[in-house]
Amino acid sequence: MPETPSPSVAPLAIGCVPASPIGRDVDAGLRAFFVAMPKVELHCHLLGTVRKETFLDLVAKYEAPLERAEIEAFYTRGERPVGVLRVLRALEDYLLMTPGDLRRITHEYLEDAARESVRHAEFFWNPTATIRDGRLPYAKAVAGILEGMEQAEADFGISSLLIPSIDREAPAQEAVFMVEEMIAHPHPKVVGIGIDYREDNRPPEMFAKAYALAKEHGLRTTAHAGEFGMPWTNVAMAVDTIGVDRVDHGYTIVDNPELAQDYAARGLVFTIVPTNSYYLRTLDHERWALDHPIRRMAEMGLKLHPNSDDPTLHQVTPAGAWQLLYSHLGLELSQLRAMMLNGIEGSWASADQRAQWRATWPGEFDALLARAQEV
């Protein structure tokens, strides 16, 4: 039997979010419940999971031109977080040079996720920078990640799937090349594509050719859209023109209630991030919880599923993302139970695996909650 890491209790201060006027106290029993409840993670970036000690090891290994103060700043999340893109670019440019580096960070991410009772993870990795400079061919890089995934499943019992993700700050043709590499080097655990990085002036339709090619070859699709305050039309383009299977973030869909109702009726899954940096920067702290679009998305009946996104950089764990919905954003435990099932429905795991989870996880959730409420 694989060894599951010992559960840890989610931290009290999660993601440096402000106090909530609709907040609830969370006692030790409930904190332990959020850690122990079975869950999938569908929205996490591999480069946003790198442990600080691993980052420092890689800096020393490659004698990277990064000062210690700069590294400390990477892992400091203040009240108005500036985002994590600078960290991700540093990793791409200086630190992830071999398949072994990618194997290490993959195994460590999945170990940390398993400790939070994540049973299955589908995570993003951007290969574009690696492919562009030729230092590490796509096939070799993926082999390192897959080795980490397989080792983690053997060690901790966590299954996982890899989602190569388009860097939307790069030219659209590089996205096509990424998909061509995926087609040339297929693997059953490399199941689909996503798109991320800054959305400004880079709407989904710019990458329609890459998405069409992926879908033509049977790959699943998702997209970051409606993040950073970008308009609801980006969400609509991703869903209705590109035809993605699920949406990452999607917060500005609340600005079109009629379309939101349509997506709710369709059962489209939105992978949400309570610690999203944009709203921590732009909403008044006194209003952050009250005005957060996640609350309105839930009220509109959209199928939501909470995720950690960039856990070591956001200073949040998978369990912490779930806890924030209850402790700060005012959602009920019954809603979280439904979101657990949304994650199963939105997952790209096999039909048999999803059926097994649907059959067993609700009972496990209920039993764990009853035990927590007895404490």
Protein backbone atom coordinates (compact mmCIF):
# COMPACT_ATOMS: atom_id res chain seq x y z
CA MET A 1 0.00 0.00 0.00
CA PRO A 2 1.28 3.49 -0.79
CA GLU A 3 2.15 5.63 2.18
CA THR A 4 -0.02 8.73 2.61
CA PRO A 5 1.84 11.59 4.32
CA SER A 6 0.55 12.39 7.78
CA PRO A 7 -2.25 15.00 7.57
CA SER A 8 -1.40 18.52 8.62
CA VAL A 9 -3.87 21.11 9.87
CA ALA A 10 -4.44 24.06 7.54
CA PRO A 11 -2.89 27.30 8.82
CA LEU A 12 -4.99 29.90 10.60
CA ALA A 13 -3.78 32.76 8.38
CA ILE A 14 -4.49 31.57 4.85
CA GLY A 15 -3.24 33.44 1.82
CA CYS A 16 -2.96 36.75 3.71
CA VAL A 17 -6.65 37.43 3.05
CA PRO A 18 -8.31 40.19 5.09
CA ALA A 19 -10.69 39.61 7.97
CA SER A 20 -14.24 38.94 6.87
CA PRO A 21 -17.36 40.68 8.27
CA ILE A 22 -19.25 37.48 7.47
CA GLY A 23 -16.47 35.28 8.80
CA ARG A 24 -16.89 32.19 10.92
CA ASP A 25 -14.57 30.82 13.55
CA VAL A 26 -13.05 27.51 12.52
CA ASP A 27 -12.04 25.29 15.41
CA ALA A 28 -9.41 22.57 15.34
CA GLY A 29 -11.98 19.92 14.47
CA LEU A 30 -13.19 21.76 11.39
CA ARG A 31 -9.66 22.65 10.29
CA ALA A 32 -8.77 18.99 10.48
CA PHE A 33 -11.94 18.18 8.52
CA PHE A 34 -10.95 20.45 5.64
CA VAL A 35 -7.61 18.68 5.50
CA ALA A 36 -9.07 15.17 5.71
CA MET A 37 -12.04 15.49 3.33
CA PRO A 38 -11.43 13.73 0.01
CA LYS A 39 -10.80 16.11 -2.85
CA VAL A 40 -9.45 16.54 -6.34
CA GLU A 41 -7.37 19.51 -7.41
CA LEU A 42 -8.04 20.76 -10.93
CA HIS A 43 -6.32 24.14 -10.99
CA CYS A 44 -2.71 24.24 -9.88
CA HIS A 45 0.45 25.39 -11.65
CA LEU A 46 3.48 23.18 -11.18
CA LEU A 47 5.87 26.12 -11.05
CA GLY A 48 3.70 27.72 -8.37
CA THR A 49 4.18 24.73 -6.07
CA VAL A 50 7.96 24.84 -5.70
CA ARG A 51 9.04 24.70 -2.08
CA LYS A 52 11.27 27.54 -0.94
CA GLU A 53 14.05 25.17 0.08
CA THR A 54 13.92 23.54 -3.34
CA PHE A 55 14.09 26.95 -5.01
CA LEU A 56 17.18 27.78 -2.95
CA ASP A 57 18.76 24.43 -3.83
CA LEU A 58 18.22 25.08 -7.54
CA VAL A 59 19.64 28.60 -7.28
CA ALA A 60 22.79 27.18 -5.69
CA LYS A 61 22.96 24.30 -8.16
CA TYR A 62 22.90 26.57 -11.20
CA GLU A 63 24.52 29.65 -9.63
CA ALA A 64 21.51 31.61 -10.82
CA PRO A 65 21.74 35.42 -10.79
CA LEU A 66 19.14 35.83 -8.06
CA GLU A 67 19.86 37.63 -4.80
CA ARG A 68 18.64 36.15 -1.51
CA ALA A 69 16.48 39.22 -0.87
CA GLU A 70 14.81 38.74 -4.24
CA ILE A 71 14.11 35.10 -3.44
CA GLU A 72 12.65 36.04 -0.07
CA ALA A 73 10.40 38.52 -1.86
CA PHE A 74 9.18 35.74 -4.15
CA TYR A 75 7.85 33.89 -1.12
CA THR A 76 6.45 36.92 0.71
CA ARG A 77 2.75 37.62 0.20
CA GLY A 78 1.68 40.96 1.59
CA GLU A 79 -1.72 42.52 2.00
CA ARG A 80 -1.65 43.73 -1.62
CA PRO A 81 0.10 40.81 -3.37
CA VAL A 82 1.76 41.68 -6.65
CA GLY A 83 1.27 38.26 -8.19
CA VAL A 84 3.62 35.42 -8.93
CA LEU A 85 4.60 35.86 -12.57
CA ARG A 86 8.10 37.05 -11.72
CA VAL A 87 8.72 33.84 -9.77
CA LEU A 88 7.49 31.64 -12.58
CA ARG A 89 9.70 33.40 -15.12
CA ALA A 90 12.74 33.00 -12.87
CA LEU A 91 12.08 29.27 -12.66
CA GLU A 92 11.75 29.02 -16.42
CA ASP A 93 14.83 31.11 -17.16
CA TYR A 94 17.33 29.87 -14.61
CA LEU A 95 16.35 26.89 -12.51
CA LEU A 96 14.54 24.04 -14.26
CA MET A 97 17.21 22.72 -16.56
CA THR A 98 16.96 18.93 -16.46
CA PRO A 99 14.28 16.21 -16.36
CA GLY A 100 15.47 15.51 -12.82
CA ASP A 101 14.62 19.05 -11.72
CA LEU A 102 11.09 18.64 -13.06
CA ARG A 103 10.78 15.18 -11.52
CA ARG A 104 11.73 16.59 -8.12
CA ILE A 105 9.26 19.49 -8.08
CA THR A 106 6.47 17.24 -9.39
CA HIS A 107 7.02 14.61 -6.72
CA GLU A 108 7.22 17.27 -4.00
CA TYR A 109 4.03 18.98 -5.17
CA LEU A 110 2.10 15.73 -5.18
CA GLU A 111 3.50 14.79 -1.77
CA ASP A 112 2.26 18.10 -0.37
CA ALA A 113 -1.12 17.67 -2.07
CA ALA A 114 -1.54 14.12 -0.77
CA ARG A 115 -0.87 15.39 2.75
CA GLU A 116 -4.00 17.53 2.28
CA SER A 117 -6.09 14.51 1.17
CA VAL A 118 -5.97 15.40 -2.50
CA ARG A 119 -6.65 12.02 -4.06
CA HIS A 120 -6.21 13.18 -7.66
CA ALA A 121 -4.53 16.26 -9.17
CA GLU A 122 -4.66 17.73 -12.67
CA PHE A 123 -1.95 20.35 -12.91
CA PHE A 124 -0.59 22.84 -15.42
CA TRP A 125 2.91 23.15 -16.81
CA ASN A 126 4.04 25.67 -19.42
CA PRO A 127 6.54 24.07 -21.82
CA THR A 128 6.92 27.06 -24.16
CA ALA A 129 10.03 28.63 -22.64
CA THR A 130 11.74 25.25 -22.47
CA ILE A 131 10.91 24.46 -26.08
CA ARG A 132 11.86 27.93 -27.32
CA ASP A 133 15.48 27.98 -26.19
CA GLY A 134 16.05 24.30 -26.87
CA ARG A 135 17.78 23.55 -23.59
CA LEU A 136 15.33 20.76 -22.76
CA PRO A 137 13.22 19.15 -25.50
CA TYR A 138 9.53 18.67 -24.79
CA ALA A 139 9.74 14.87 -24.70
CA LYS A 140 12.55 14.84 -22.15
CA ALA A 141 10.87 17.45 -19.97
CA VAL A 142 7.58 15.55 -19.95
CA ALA A 143 9.42 12.33 -19.14
CA GLY A 144 10.80 13.96 -15.99
CA ILE A 145 7.36 15.16 -14.90
CA LEU A 146 5.78 11.78 -15.61
CA GLU A 147 8.45 10.06 -13.54
CA GLY A 148 7.59 12.33 -10.62
CA MET A 149 3.89 11.58 -11.08
CA GLU A 150 4.42 7.84 -11.15
CA GLN A 151 6.73 7.91 -8.14
CA ALA A 152 4.22 10.01 -6.16
CA GLU A 153 1.38 7.62 -6.96
CA ALA A 154 3.50 4.72 -5.72
CA ASP A 155 4.67 6.60 -2.63
CA PHE A 156 1.49 8.44 -1.60
CA GLY A 157 -1.43 6.94 -3.53
CA ILE A 158 -2.26 10.16 -5.38
CA SER A 159 -3.17 9.90 -9.04
CA SER A 160 -2.45 12.78 -11.39
CA LEU A 161 -2.75 14.07 -14.94
CA LEU A 162 -0.61 16.67 -16.69
CA ILE A 163 -2.03 19.64 -18.62
CA PRO A 164 0.55 21.43 -20.80
CA SER A 165 -0.53 25.04 -20.84
CA ILE A 166 -0.23 27.74 -23.48
CA ASP A 167 1.81 30.79 -22.47
CA ARG A 168 -0.51 33.48 -23.81
CA GLU A 169 2.24 36.09 -23.56
CA ALA A 170 4.11 34.23 -26.32
CA PRO A 171 3.16 34.33 -30.03
CA ALA A 172 0.15 32.23 -30.99
CA GLN A 173 2.27 30.07 -33.30
CA GLU A 174 4.24 28.84 -30.30
CA ALA A 175 0.98 27.51 -28.87
CA VAL A 176 0.43 25.55 -32.07
CA PHE A 177 3.95 24.17 -31.81
CA MET A 178 3.30 23.09 -28.22
CA VAL A 179 0.24 21.13 -29.32
CA GLU A 180 2.20 19.60 -32.21
CA GLU A 181 4.79 18.37 -29.70
CA MET A 182 2.02 16.83 -27.60
CA ILE A 183 0.64 15.05 -30.66
CA ALA A 184 4.10 13.81 -31.64
CA HIS A 185 4.75 12.49 -28.11
CA PRO A 186 1.39 11.26 -26.77
CA HIS A 187 0.95 9.83 -23.29
CA PRO A 188 -2.27 8.75 -21.54
CA LYS A 189 -1.46 10.95 -18.53
CA VAL A 190 -0.99 14.05 -20.69
CA VAL A 191 -4.68 14.60 -21.30
CA GLY A 192 -5.34 18.13 -22.51
CA ILE A 193 -4.28 21.74 -22.79
CA GLY A 194 -4.88 24.95 -20.89
CA ILE A 195 -3.87 28.58 -21.28
CA ASP A 196 -2.56 30.99 -18.66
CA TYR A 197 -0.31 33.95 -17.90
CA ARG A 198 -1.55 37.53 -18.32
CA GLU A 199 -4.86 37.80 -20.11
CA ASP A 200 -4.59 41.50 -21.02
CA ASN A 201 -4.95 41.92 -24.79
CA ARG A 202 -4.50 38.17 -25.24
CA PRO A 203 -8.08 36.87 -25.56
CA PRO A 204 -8.78 33.18 -26.16
CA GLU A 205 -9.60 33.60 -29.85
CA MET A 206 -5.95 34.46 -30.56
CA PHE A 207 -5.16 30.82 -29.81
CA ALA A 208 -8.10 29.21 -31.62
CA LYS A 209 -5.84 27.33 -34.03
CA ALA A 210 -3.96 25.60 -31.21
CA TYR A 211 -7.21 24.67 -29.48
CA ALA A 212 -8.74 23.34 -32.69
CA LEU A 213 -5.69 21.17 -33.30
CA ALA A 214 -5.82 19.82 -29.75
CA LYS A 215 -9.52 18.97 -30.00
CA GLU A 216 -8.98 17.35 -33.41
CA HIS A 217 -6.59 14.92 -31.73
CA GLY A 218 -8.85 14.11 -28.80
CA LEU A 219 -7.24 16.31 -26.16
CA ARG A 220 -9.37 17.90 -23.46
CA THR A 221 -9.41 21.68 -23.09
CA THR A 222 -9.66 24.32 -20.41
CA ALA A 223 -8.76 28.01 -20.29
CA HIS A 224 -7.99 30.78 -17.84
CA ALA A 225 -10.57 33.43 -18.71
CA GLY A 226 -12.24 36.31 -16.92
CA GLU A 227 -9.27 36.66 -14.57
CA PHE A 228 -7.48 39.96 -13.78
CA GLY A 229 -10.79 41.78 -14.31
CA MET A 230 -10.85 40.87 -18.00
CA PRO A 231 -14.35 41.01 -19.54
CA TRP A 232 -16.99 38.30 -19.49
CA THR A 233 -16.66 38.12 -23.27
CA ASN A 234 -13.37 36.26 -22.75
CA VAL A 235 -15.26 33.59 -20.82
CA ALA A 236 -17.93 33.42 -23.51
CA MET A 237 -15.30 33.12 -26.24
CA ALA A 238 -13.54 30.30 -24.39
CA VAL A 239 -16.78 28.39 -23.83
CA ASP A 240 -18.90 29.06 -26.90
CA THR A 241 -16.31 29.58 -29.64
CA ILE A 242 -13.24 27.65 -28.49
CA GLY A 243 -15.46 25.03 -26.82
CA VAL A 244 -13.49 24.35 -23.65
CA ASP A 245 -14.57 21.57 -21.31
CA ARG A 246 -14.15 23.69 -18.17
CA VAL A 247 -13.18 27.25 -17.19
CA ASP A 248 -10.37 28.35 -14.87
CA HIS A 249 -11.32 31.43 -12.80
CA GLY A 250 -14.12 32.92 -14.94
CA TYR A 251 -15.10 35.49 -12.31
CA THR A 252 -16.37 38.20 -14.65
CA ILE A 253 -19.14 35.94 -15.89
CA VAL A 254 -21.13 37.52 -13.05
CA ASP A 255 -21.35 40.64 -15.23
CA ASN A 256 -23.63 38.72 -17.62
CA PRO A 257 -26.24 37.04 -15.41
CA GLU A 258 -28.19 35.62 -18.35
CA LEU A 259 -25.14 33.83 -19.73
CA ALA A 260 -24.17 32.70 -16.22
CA GLN A 261 -27.59 31.07 -15.88
CA ASP A 262 -27.03 29.29 -19.19
CA TYR A 263 -23.65 27.96 -18.05
CA ALA A 264 -25.18 26.87 -14.75
CA ALA A 265 -27.86 24.94 -16.64
CA ARG A 266 -25.19 23.31 -18.81
CA GLY A 267 -23.28 22.18 -15.71
CA LEU A 268 -20.04 23.83 -16.81
CA VAL A 269 -17.42 23.57 -14.05
CA PHE A 270 -15.49 26.69 -13.00
CA THR A 271 -12.23 26.07 -11.11
CA ILE A 272 -12.02 29.00 -8.70
CA VAL A 273 -9.24 30.36 -6.49
CA PRO A 274 -10.27 32.15 -3.26
CA THR A 275 -6.76 33.60 -2.83
CA ASN A 276 -6.67 35.13 -6.32
CA SER A 277 -4.23 38.06 -6.20
CA TYR A 278 -6.27 40.41 -8.39
CA TYR A 279 -9.16 40.77 -5.96
CA LEU A 280 -6.84 41.08 -2.98
CA ARG A 281 -5.25 44.04 -4.77
CA THR A 282 -8.35 45.71 -6.13
CA LEU A 283 -11.13 45.22 -3.58
CA ASP A 284 -11.22 47.25 -0.37
CA HIS A 285 -10.20 44.98 2.49
CA GLU A 286 -13.41 45.78 4.34
CA ARG A 287 -15.40 44.63 1.29
CA TRP A 288 -13.17 41.81 0.02
CA ALA A 289 -15.33 38.97 1.32
CA LEU A 290 -18.64 40.71 0.65
CA ASP A 291 -17.84 41.73 -2.92
CA HIS A 292 -15.79 38.75 -4.03
CA PRO A 293 -17.27 37.39 -7.28
CA ILE A 294 -17.08 33.83 -5.98
CA ARG A 295 -20.04 34.62 -3.73
CA ARG A 296 -22.09 35.85 -6.67
CA MET A 297 -21.06 32.88 -8.79
CA ALA A 298 -22.37 30.57 -6.08
CA GLU A 299 -25.61 32.56 -5.83
CA MET A 300 -26.07 32.20 -9.59
CA GLY A 301 -25.90 28.42 -9.29
CA LEU A 302 -22.67 27.95 -11.22
CA LYS A 303 -20.77 24.72 -10.63
CA LEU A 304 -17.71 25.80 -8.67
CA HIS A 305 -14.66 23.94 -7.45
CA PRO A 306 -12.00 25.59 -5.20
CA ASN A 307 -8.28 25.17 -5.80
CA SER A 308 -4.91 26.37 -4.54
CA ASP A 309 -3.56 27.70 -7.90
CA ASP A 310 0.02 28.52 -6.77
CA PRO A 311 0.08 27.10 -3.24
CA THR A 312 3.58 27.90 -2.02
CA LEU A 313 3.44 31.39 -3.52
CA HIS A 314 -0.15 32.17 -2.48
CA GLN A 315 0.62 30.72 0.97
CA VAL A 316 -2.39 28.47 0.79
CA THR A 317 -2.90 24.73 0.79
CA PRO A 318 -5.63 22.77 -0.98
CA ALA A 319 -7.43 22.42 2.35
CA GLY A 320 -6.99 26.13 2.97
CA ALA A 321 -8.75 26.99 -0.28
CA TRP A 322 -11.77 24.97 0.83
CA GLN A 323 -11.67 26.44 4.33
CA LEU A 324 -11.72 30.03 3.05
CA LEU A 325 -15.02 29.48 1.28
CA TYR A 326 -16.56 28.61 4.64
CA SER A 327 -14.59 30.78 7.05
CA HIS A 328 -14.39 33.98 5.00
CA LEU A 329 -16.78 33.92 2.03
CA GLY A 330 -19.80 32.63 3.92
CA LEU A 331 -20.55 29.47 1.96
CA GLU A 332 -22.21 26.57 3.74
CA LEU A 333 -20.74 23.12 4.30
CA SER A 334 -23.53 21.66 2.18
CA GLN A 335 -22.32 23.83 -0.70
CA LEU A 336 -18.79 22.54 -0.21
CA ARG A 337 -20.08 18.98 -0.33
CA ALA A 338 -21.65 19.78 -3.71
CA MET A 339 -18.38 21.35 -4.86
CA MET A 340 -16.54 18.15 -3.98
CA LEU A 341 -18.85 16.39 -6.42
CA ASN A 342 -18.37 19.18 -8.97
CA GLY A 343 -14.66 18.42 -8.89
CA ILE A 344 -15.34 14.79 -9.68
CA GLU A 345 -17.62 15.75 -12.58
CA GLY A 346 -15.10 18.26 -13.92
CA SER A 347 -12.16 15.89 -13.66
CA TRP A 348 -10.62 14.24 -16.69
CA ALA A 349 -10.01 11.00 -14.82
CA SER A 350 -11.52 7.85 -16.29
CA ALA A 351 -15.26 7.25 -16.06
CA ASP A 352 -14.65 4.23 -13.83
CA GLN A 353 -12.49 6.24 -11.44
CA ARG A 354 -15.02 9.06 -11.24
CA ALA A 355 -17.83 6.59 -10.61
CA GLN A 356 -15.87 5.07 -7.72
CA TRP A 357 -15.31 8.51 -6.19
CA ARG A 358 -18.98 9.44 -6.55
CA ALA A 359 -19.95 6.23 -4.78
CA THR A 360 -17.60 6.61 -1.81
CA TRP A 361 -16.65 10.23 -1.20
CA PRO A 362 -20.03 11.61 -0.06
CA GLY A 363 -20.20 9.05 2.74
CA GLU A 364 -16.61 9.77 3.69
CA PHE A 365 -17.31 13.52 3.71
CA ASP A 366 -20.36 13.06 5.94
CA ALA A 367 -18.56 10.79 8.40
CA LEU A 368 -15.57 13.13 8.69
CA LEU A 369 -17.83 16.12 9.22
CA ALA A 370 -19.86 14.35 11.90
CA ARG A 371 -16.65 13.47 13.71
CA ALA A 372 -15.40 17.07 13.45
CA GLN A 373 -18.63 18.45 14.86
CA GLU A 374 -18.37 16.14 17.86
CA VAL A 375 -15.06 17.67 18.90
